[in-house]
Amino acid sequence: MSTAPLLSVGWTDHVTGRRGHLVVDRLVRGVASGGLRMREGCTAEEVAGLARGMTMKEALHYDPSARYVPLGGAKGGIDCDPRSPEAYGVLVRYLRAMRPYIERFWTTGEDLGLTQDLVDRAAAEAGLVSSIQAVYPLLDDEAAARARLADAFALEVDGIGLDELVGGCGVAEAALAALDRAGTPYAGARVSVQGFGTMGGATARFLARAGLRVVAVADVKGTIVNPDGLDVEALLAARDAHGAVDRAVLRPGDREEAGDAWLAADAEVLVPAAVSYAVDAAGQERVRARLIVEAANMPVLPEAERLLAARGVTVLPDVVVNSGTNAWWWWTLFGDVEADAEAAFDRVRRAMRELVGLMLDRAEADGTTPRAAAHALVEERLPVIAERYGWY
């Protein structure tokens, strides 16, 4: 697969001077899929790496018997603190500038720093029909498909929207599949989670409900730790829109530690679910966990992953682990799954179990890492997709 993206666009906000980026890695059937993130320090290189990851995620979920046919990969990024008072205006102006791309071939949605509700509101203000309108011409029945997706987004499970939960369900299932393979019982297995927003919070919920003990949760204020286990549901109920937990809900046994304490937590499973580049070569030395599950995009740097592998630490890569949200969007829109929570969770769990199993089987057979195995699976599927559906 060529490493050069198909299209790279840079943007400068005329009001604030803030920079934004769009990278389209590949188009399949003339369309690419990938979310929009907003964070201070977001770079063109970061967005390009994320776009390449989206191409891989789409290919990994290719099922010739399904209505959903994978799209190409793309990503958008804005260099701005999402908590800044100017952030919403920057978002609207970015989407207005990117409107020709969104209307024709880039389908996007929430990513780091943004919620889908906020993206939808800003997209409407920017004059867009929808942030995913480029895919509409590929649908057999656009009205029915849009109604089905709207119904799915309206569903809540125990106070949290289904759209916020499906990704975490996939991350948790990937972790559970790896634990099963290693023969590690769920009961007593400890988890440390960095990031308590949409992905991190949902992952913590599903792992806790599976019987694992969440012993550390990190947000922008620091790390909350309790070796006996945190009350995940109480922490979820006390989050703000950016995943920061109100410390007033902490129990006597909970304690606050430094923001990077999650990395060295005494736990079997580490879930980086916030920013990219969270684990570098120096930081990996502090990791005690034997399994790292990449809920965030690109959280473990390549050199750190090499050193971790040498220490016997398994890293489940983001292109598999956090691909559930994207796949669920398209399964729902194209009609492979209805607007039903249990049907959605069942589909995500089955897909993640299959993908993780294939990846770990390949890694074992090739004597390589799970990431290298995932890349090998992608390289096998892309020519089939290109030949059958067209790609450039």
Protein backbone atom coordinates (compact mmCIF):
# COMPACT_ATOMS: atom_id res chain seq x y z
CA MET A 1 0.00 0.00 0.00
CA SER A 2 1.42 3.38 -1.02
CA THR A 3 2.39 5.57 1.92
CA ALA A 4 1.59 8.90 0.25
CA PRO A 5 -1.94 10.16 0.98
CA LEU A 6 -4.25 10.98 -1.89
CA LEU A 7 -4.99 14.50 -0.65
CA SER A 8 -3.69 16.82 2.08
CA VAL A 9 -5.34 20.16 2.83
CA GLY A 10 -4.12 22.85 5.22
CA TRP A 11 -6.35 25.59 6.62
CA THR A 12 -5.79 28.74 8.66
CA ASP A 13 -8.67 30.38 10.53
CA HIS A 14 -8.87 34.02 9.42
CA VAL A 15 -10.27 35.06 12.81
CA THR A 16 -7.93 33.36 15.31
CA GLY A 17 -5.02 32.12 13.20
CA ARG A 18 -5.70 28.57 14.36
CA ARG A 19 -4.56 25.81 11.98
CA GLY A 20 -6.56 22.88 10.70
CA HIS A 21 -5.84 19.87 8.51
CA LEU A 22 -7.64 17.34 6.33
CA VAL A 23 -5.90 14.25 4.97
CA VAL A 24 -7.66 11.81 2.64
CA ASP A 25 -5.55 8.67 2.57
CA ARG A 26 -7.65 6.71 0.05
CA LEU A 27 -11.07 6.71 -1.56
CA VAL A 28 -13.12 3.55 -2.08
CA ARG A 29 -16.23 3.94 -4.22
CA GLY A 30 -15.31 7.64 -4.25
CA VAL A 31 -15.75 8.12 -0.48
CA ALA A 32 -13.51 8.19 2.60
CA SER A 33 -14.41 7.90 6.28
CA GLY A 34 -12.69 9.41 9.31
CA GLY A 35 -13.48 11.59 12.31
CA LEU A 36 -12.50 15.15 13.19
CA ARG A 37 -10.41 15.83 16.28
CA MET A 38 -9.65 19.06 18.10
CA ARG A 39 -6.69 19.37 20.41
CA GLU A 40 -3.96 21.85 21.17
CA GLY A 41 -0.89 20.93 19.13
CA CYS A 42 -2.61 18.80 16.48
CA THR A 43 -0.28 18.52 13.46
CA ALA A 44 -0.56 17.59 9.80
CA GLU A 45 1.69 14.57 10.43
CA GLU A 46 -0.61 13.34 13.19
CA VAL A 47 -3.67 13.68 10.97
CA ALA A 48 -1.92 11.84 8.12
CA GLY A 49 -1.13 8.92 10.43
CA LEU A 50 -4.72 8.82 11.63
CA ALA A 51 -6.01 8.86 8.05
CA ARG A 52 -3.82 5.90 7.19
CA GLY A 53 -5.17 4.12 10.24
CA MET A 54 -8.73 4.71 9.04
CA THR A 55 -7.94 3.05 5.70
CA MET A 56 -6.74 0.03 7.66
CA LYS A 57 -9.77 -0.03 9.98
CA GLU A 58 -12.14 0.04 7.04
CA ALA A 59 -10.32 -2.79 5.27
CA LEU A 60 -10.20 -4.97 8.40
CA HIS A 61 -14.00 -4.92 8.61
CA TYR A 62 -14.52 -5.99 5.01
CA ASP A 63 -17.18 -8.67 4.78
CA PRO A 64 -18.26 -9.55 1.21
CA SER A 65 -21.61 -10.84 2.51
CA ALA A 66 -22.52 -7.56 4.26
CA ARG A 67 -24.37 -4.54 2.87
CA TYR A 68 -21.66 -2.29 4.27
CA VAL A 69 -18.71 -2.11 1.92
CA PRO A 70 -15.61 -0.45 3.39
CA LEU A 71 -14.82 3.12 2.43
CA GLY A 72 -11.42 4.77 2.16
CA GLY A 73 -9.66 6.41 5.10
CA ALA A 74 -9.46 10.10 6.00
CA LYS A 75 -9.08 12.32 9.06
CA GLY A 76 -9.50 15.93 10.07
CA GLY A 77 -7.73 17.82 12.84
CA ILE A 78 -7.84 21.29 14.36
CA ASP A 79 -5.03 22.74 16.49
CA CYS A 80 -7.12 24.28 19.26
CA ASP A 81 -7.98 23.51 22.88
CA PRO A 82 -11.61 22.28 22.74
CA ARG A 83 -12.24 23.96 26.10
CA SER A 84 -11.28 27.39 24.73
CA PRO A 85 -14.11 29.94 24.38
CA GLU A 86 -13.12 30.37 20.73
CA ALA A 87 -13.22 26.64 19.95
CA TYR A 88 -16.79 26.42 18.67
CA GLY A 89 -16.36 29.32 16.27
CA VAL A 90 -13.16 27.77 14.96
CA LEU A 91 -14.99 24.46 14.45
CA VAL A 92 -17.81 26.11 12.47
CA ARG A 93 -15.38 28.02 10.25
CA TYR A 94 -13.29 24.88 9.67
CA LEU A 95 -16.36 22.91 8.59
CA ARG A 96 -17.50 25.76 6.37
CA ALA A 97 -14.10 25.77 4.66
CA MET A 98 -14.14 21.98 4.28
CA ARG A 99 -17.74 21.91 3.07
CA PRO A 100 -16.88 20.99 -0.57
CA TYR A 101 -14.95 17.94 0.62
CA ILE A 102 -17.61 16.87 3.12
CA GLU A 103 -20.35 17.23 0.54
CA ARG A 104 -18.53 15.13 -2.05
CA PHE A 105 -16.23 12.53 -0.48
CA TRP A 106 -15.28 12.96 3.21
CA THR A 107 -17.66 11.51 5.82
CA THR A 108 -16.72 12.62 9.32
CA GLY A 109 -17.87 12.67 12.92
CA GLU A 110 -16.66 13.01 16.49
CA ASP A 111 -13.13 12.25 17.56
CA LEU A 112 -10.82 13.41 20.35
CA GLY A 113 -12.01 16.69 21.88
CA LEU A 114 -15.38 16.76 20.12
CA THR A 115 -18.78 15.13 20.62
CA GLN A 116 -21.10 14.10 17.82
CA ASP A 117 -23.76 16.52 19.05
CA LEU A 118 -21.27 19.38 18.77
CA VAL A 119 -20.13 18.29 15.30
CA ASP A 120 -23.74 18.03 14.14
CA ARG A 121 -24.61 21.49 15.48
CA ALA A 122 -21.55 23.08 13.92
CA ALA A 123 -22.11 21.27 10.62
CA ALA A 124 -25.66 22.64 10.40
CA GLU A 125 -24.38 26.15 11.12
CA ALA A 126 -21.76 25.68 8.40
CA GLY A 127 -24.52 24.90 5.88
CA LEU A 128 -24.06 21.14 5.66
CA VAL A 129 -26.91 18.64 5.40
CA SER A 130 -24.92 16.18 7.49
CA SER A 131 -21.31 15.40 8.35
CA ILE A 132 -21.74 12.08 6.52
CA GLN A 133 -23.72 13.26 3.52
CA ALA A 134 -21.05 12.12 1.03
CA VAL A 135 -22.05 8.51 1.65
CA TYR A 136 -25.75 9.06 0.93
CA PRO A 137 -25.49 8.33 -2.83
CA LEU A 138 -24.20 4.84 -1.96
CA LEU A 139 -27.35 3.94 0.03
CA ASP A 140 -30.21 1.89 -1.41
CA ASP A 141 -32.81 3.81 0.61
CA GLU A 142 -31.40 7.06 1.96
CA ALA A 143 -34.46 8.06 3.99
CA ALA A 144 -34.72 4.69 5.73
CA ALA A 145 -30.99 4.58 6.39
CA ARG A 146 -30.90 8.08 7.89
CA ALA A 147 -33.92 7.29 10.07
CA ARG A 148 -32.29 4.08 11.28
CA LEU A 149 -29.08 5.90 12.25
CA ALA A 150 -31.03 8.69 13.97
CA ASP A 151 -33.00 6.11 15.94
CA ALA A 152 -29.77 4.38 16.98
CA PHE A 153 -28.23 7.66 18.14
CA ALA A 154 -31.33 8.38 20.22
CA LEU A 155 -30.93 5.17 22.23
CA GLU A 156 -29.52 5.27 25.76
CA VAL A 157 -28.29 2.41 27.94
CA ASP A 158 -28.18 3.16 31.67
CA GLY A 159 -27.98 6.87 31.03
CA ILE A 160 -25.32 6.84 28.30
CA GLY A 161 -25.98 7.09 24.57
CA LEU A 162 -25.50 3.98 22.47
CA ASP A 163 -23.20 5.91 20.13
CA GLU A 164 -20.89 6.58 23.08
CA LEU A 165 -20.90 2.95 24.21
CA VAL A 166 -20.29 0.88 21.08
CA GLY A 167 -16.62 1.88 20.77
CA GLY A 168 -15.89 1.04 24.39
CA CYS A 169 -17.73 -2.25 23.97
CA GLY A 170 -15.32 -3.10 21.16
CA VAL A 171 -12.24 -2.08 23.15
CA ALA A 172 -13.37 -4.12 26.14
CA GLU A 173 -14.11 -7.15 23.99
CA ALA A 174 -10.65 -6.94 22.42
CA ALA A 175 -9.13 -6.93 25.91
CA LEU A 176 -11.29 -9.83 27.05
CA ALA A 177 -10.39 -11.87 23.97
CA ALA A 178 -6.69 -11.36 24.68
CA LEU A 179 -7.15 -12.29 28.36
CA ASP A 180 -9.02 -15.44 27.34
CA ARG A 181 -6.20 -16.40 25.03
CA ALA A 182 -3.66 -15.89 27.81
CA GLY A 183 -5.76 -17.86 30.29
CA THR A 184 -6.14 -14.87 32.62
CA PRO A 185 -9.37 -14.93 34.68
CA TYR A 186 -11.43 -11.75 34.58
CA ALA A 187 -12.07 -11.79 38.31
CA GLY A 188 -9.25 -9.96 40.01
CA ALA A 189 -7.64 -8.71 36.80
CA ARG A 190 -6.83 -5.02 37.27
CA VAL A 191 -7.23 -2.24 34.72
CA SER A 192 -5.77 1.25 34.40
CA VAL A 193 -7.46 3.66 31.97
CA GLN A 194 -6.04 6.91 30.62
CA GLY A 195 -8.86 9.15 29.48
CA PHE A 196 -12.43 9.01 30.75
CA GLY A 197 -14.32 10.51 27.83
CA THR A 198 -16.46 8.62 25.35
CA MET A 199 -14.05 5.74 24.66
CA GLY A 200 -12.29 5.44 28.00
CA GLY A 201 -15.44 5.74 30.07
CA ALA A 202 -17.36 3.15 28.07
CA THR A 203 -14.40 0.77 28.10
CA ALA A 204 -14.13 1.05 31.88
CA ARG A 205 -17.85 0.31 32.23
CA PHE A 206 -17.76 -2.83 30.08
CA LEU A 207 -14.60 -4.18 31.70
CA ALA A 208 -15.95 -3.54 35.21
CA ARG A 209 -19.21 -5.29 34.33
CA ALA A 210 -17.21 -8.25 33.00
CA GLY A 211 -15.66 -8.63 36.46
CA LEU A 212 -12.37 -6.79 36.08
CA ARG A 213 -11.26 -4.29 38.71
CA VAL A 214 -10.65 -0.74 37.45
CA VAL A 215 -7.91 0.54 39.80
CA ALA A 216 -6.86 3.77 38.06
CA VAL A 217 -8.59 6.38 35.88
CA ALA A 218 -6.78 9.41 34.49
CA ASP A 219 -8.43 12.61 33.27
CA VAL A 220 -7.19 16.17 32.68
CA LYS A 221 -7.10 16.79 36.46
CA GLY A 222 -4.88 13.84 37.34
CA THR A 223 -5.19 10.14 38.11
CA ILE A 224 -7.76 8.67 40.50
CA VAL A 225 -6.48 5.48 42.13
CA ASN A 226 -7.91 2.79 44.37
CA PRO A 227 -6.18 -0.63 44.50
CA ASP A 228 -9.43 -2.18 45.72
CA GLY A 229 -11.29 -0.88 42.68
CA LEU A 230 -13.00 2.37 41.72
CA ASP A 231 -16.75 2.90 41.54
CA VAL A 232 -16.88 3.24 37.75
CA GLU A 233 -20.58 4.06 37.57
CA ALA A 234 -20.22 6.88 40.10
CA LEU A 235 -17.28 8.33 38.19
CA LEU A 236 -19.20 8.12 34.90
CA ALA A 237 -22.14 9.96 36.40
CA ALA A 238 -19.81 12.72 37.64
CA ARG A 239 -18.07 13.47 34.31
CA ASP A 240 -18.30 16.76 32.47
CA ALA A 241 -18.56 17.06 28.67
CA HIS A 242 -14.80 16.58 28.32
CA GLY A 243 -14.52 13.50 30.54
CA ALA A 244 -13.24 15.28 33.66
CA VAL A 245 -14.54 13.73 36.91
CA ASP A 246 -15.92 15.84 39.75
CA ARG A 247 -13.70 14.89 42.69
CA ALA A 248 -16.59 15.45 45.11
CA VAL A 249 -17.80 11.90 44.32
CA LEU A 250 -14.56 10.20 45.41
CA ARG A 251 -14.85 7.73 48.26
CA PRO A 252 -12.56 7.54 51.32
CA GLY A 253 -10.46 4.80 49.74
CA ASP A 254 -9.91 6.72 46.51
CA ARG A 255 -6.83 8.89 46.20
CA GLU A 256 -5.53 11.40 43.68
CA GLU A 257 -2.13 11.04 42.09
CA ALA A 258 -0.19 12.73 39.29
CA GLY A 259 -1.56 12.84 35.78
CA ASP A 260 0.87 10.21 34.49
CA ALA A 261 0.38 7.78 37.39
CA TRP A 262 -1.95 5.66 35.23
CA LEU A 263 1.06 4.52 33.23
CA ALA A 264 2.76 2.82 36.20
CA ALA A 265 -0.38 1.47 37.86
CA ASP A 266 -0.12 -2.02 39.33
CA ALA A 267 -2.48 -3.61 36.81
CA GLU A 268 -2.65 -6.41 34.28
CA VAL A 269 -4.30 -4.28 31.58
CA LEU A 270 -3.43 -0.76 30.47
CA VAL A 271 -5.92 1.15 28.31
CA PRO A 272 -4.60 4.43 26.83
CA ALA A 273 -7.86 6.04 25.68
CA ALA A 274 -6.99 9.72 25.35
CA VAL A 275 -4.23 11.34 23.31
CA SER A 276 -1.81 10.06 20.67
CA TYR A 277 1.85 9.50 21.56
CA ALA A 278 1.06 8.82 25.23
CA VAL A 279 3.66 6.06 25.72
CA ASP A 280 7.19 6.87 24.56
CA ALA A 281 10.47 4.99 24.90
CA ALA A 282 11.16 6.43 28.33
CA GLY A 283 7.61 6.05 29.60
CA GLN A 284 7.36 2.39 28.64
CA GLU A 285 9.91 1.57 31.34
CA ARG A 286 7.26 2.43 33.94
CA VAL A 287 4.64 0.07 32.50
CA ARG A 288 3.86 -2.91 34.75
CA ALA A 289 0.91 -4.26 32.76
CA ARG A 290 1.36 -7.27 30.49
CA LEU A 291 -1.34 -6.12 28.06
CA ILE A 292 -1.81 -2.68 26.50
CA VAL A 293 -5.07 -2.14 24.63
CA GLU A 294 -4.94 0.91 22.36
CA ALA A 295 -8.33 2.58 22.71
CA ALA A 296 -6.84 5.90 21.55
CA ASN A 297 -5.32 6.42 18.12
CA MET A 298 -1.53 5.98 17.98
CA PRO A 299 -0.92 6.13 21.76
CA VAL A 300 2.18 3.88 21.80
CA LEU A 301 5.15 5.14 19.82
CA PRO A 302 6.96 2.57 17.60
CA GLU A 303 10.20 2.53 19.62
CA ALA A 304 8.22 2.11 22.84
CA GLU A 305 6.29 -0.78 21.31
CA ARG A 306 9.53 -2.48 20.25
CA LEU A 307 10.91 -2.19 23.78
CA LEU A 308 7.64 -3.38 25.32
CA ALA A 309 7.60 -6.44 23.05
CA ALA A 310 11.12 -7.27 24.17
CA ARG A 311 9.82 -7.23 27.75
CA GLY A 312 6.94 -9.56 26.87
CA VAL A 313 4.25 -6.89 26.91
CA THR A 314 1.55 -7.36 24.28
CA VAL A 315 0.17 -4.27 22.53
CA LEU A 316 -3.18 -4.67 20.81
CA PRO A 317 -3.13 -2.01 18.06
CA ASP A 318 -5.63 0.80 17.61
CA VAL A 319 -6.52 -0.16 14.04
CA VAL A 320 -8.27 -3.23 15.45
CA VAL A 321 -9.11 -2.24 19.02
CA ASN A 322 -10.97 1.03 18.47
CA SER A 323 -12.51 0.24 15.09
CA GLY A 324 -15.90 -0.70 16.53
CA THR A 325 -17.43 2.79 16.51
CA ASN A 326 -16.69 3.41 12.85
CA ALA A 327 -17.93 -0.03 11.82
CA TRP A 328 -21.13 0.33 13.86
CA TRP A 329 -21.97 3.62 12.15
CA TRP A 330 -21.84 1.96 8.75
CA TRP A 331 -23.45 -1.32 9.80
CA THR A 332 -26.39 0.71 11.06
CA LEU A 333 -26.59 3.10 8.12
CA PHE A 334 -26.33 0.36 5.49
CA GLY A 335 -28.75 -1.94 7.34
CA ASP A 336 -26.53 -4.74 8.61
CA VAL A 337 -27.73 -4.03 12.16
CA GLU A 338 -30.92 -2.37 13.37
CA ALA A 339 -31.29 0.49 15.85
CA ASP A 340 -31.14 -1.82 18.85
CA ALA A 341 -28.57 -1.74 21.65
CA GLU A 342 -28.25 -5.47 22.21
CA ALA A 343 -28.01 -6.13 18.47
CA ALA A 344 -25.30 -3.48 18.22
CA PHE A 345 -23.30 -4.85 21.15
CA ASP A 346 -23.62 -8.41 19.83
CA ARG A 347 -22.39 -7.39 16.37
CA VAL A 348 -19.46 -5.42 17.79
CA ARG A 349 -18.46 -8.22 20.16
CA ARG A 350 -18.55 -10.88 17.44
CA ALA A 351 -16.57 -8.71 15.03
CA MET A 352 -13.92 -7.86 17.61
CA ARG A 353 -13.55 -11.46 18.73
CA GLU A 354 -13.02 -12.53 15.12
CA LEU A 355 -10.55 -9.76 14.32
CA VAL A 356 -8.49 -10.17 17.49
CA GLY A 357 -8.41 -13.93 16.97
CA LEU A 358 -7.24 -13.58 13.37
CA MET A 359 -4.63 -11.01 14.36
CA LEU A 360 -3.19 -12.99 17.25
CA ASP A 361 -3.19 -16.22 15.21
CA ARG A 362 -1.28 -14.42 12.47
CA ALA A 363 1.16 -12.87 14.93
CA GLU A 364 1.88 -16.28 16.45
CA ALA A 365 2.30 -17.94 13.06
CA ASP A 366 4.58 -15.21 11.73
CA GLY A 367 6.48 -14.71 14.97
CA THR A 368 5.69 -11.01 14.94
CA THR A 369 3.71 -8.38 16.84
CA PRO A 370 -0.09 -7.99 16.73
CA ARG A 371 0.36 -4.68 14.90
CA ALA A 372 2.51 -6.25 12.19
CA ALA A 373 -0.06 -9.04 11.90
CA ALA A 374 -2.90 -6.50 11.52
CA HIS A 375 -0.93 -4.74 8.78
CA ALA A 376 -0.46 -8.07 7.00
CA LEU A 377 -4.20 -8.75 7.10
CA VAL A 378 -4.87 -5.29 5.65
CA GLU A 379 -2.38 -5.83 2.83
CA GLU A 380 -4.19 -9.03 1.89
CA ARG A 381 -7.63 -7.40 1.86
CA LEU A 382 -6.89 -4.12 0.11
CA PRO A 383 -6.23 -5.61 -3.35
CA VAL A 384 -9.54 -7.48 -3.17
CA ILE A 385 -11.39 -4.29 -2.22
CA ALA A 386 -9.58 -2.29 -4.91
CA GLU A 387 -10.38 -4.82 -7.63
CA ARG A 388 -14.02 -5.22 -6.66
CA TYR A 389 -15.02 -1.66 -5.79
CA GLY A 390 -12.41 0.73 -7.16
CA TRP A 391 -9.85 2.62 -5.13
CA TYR A 392 -7.51 5.51 -5.57
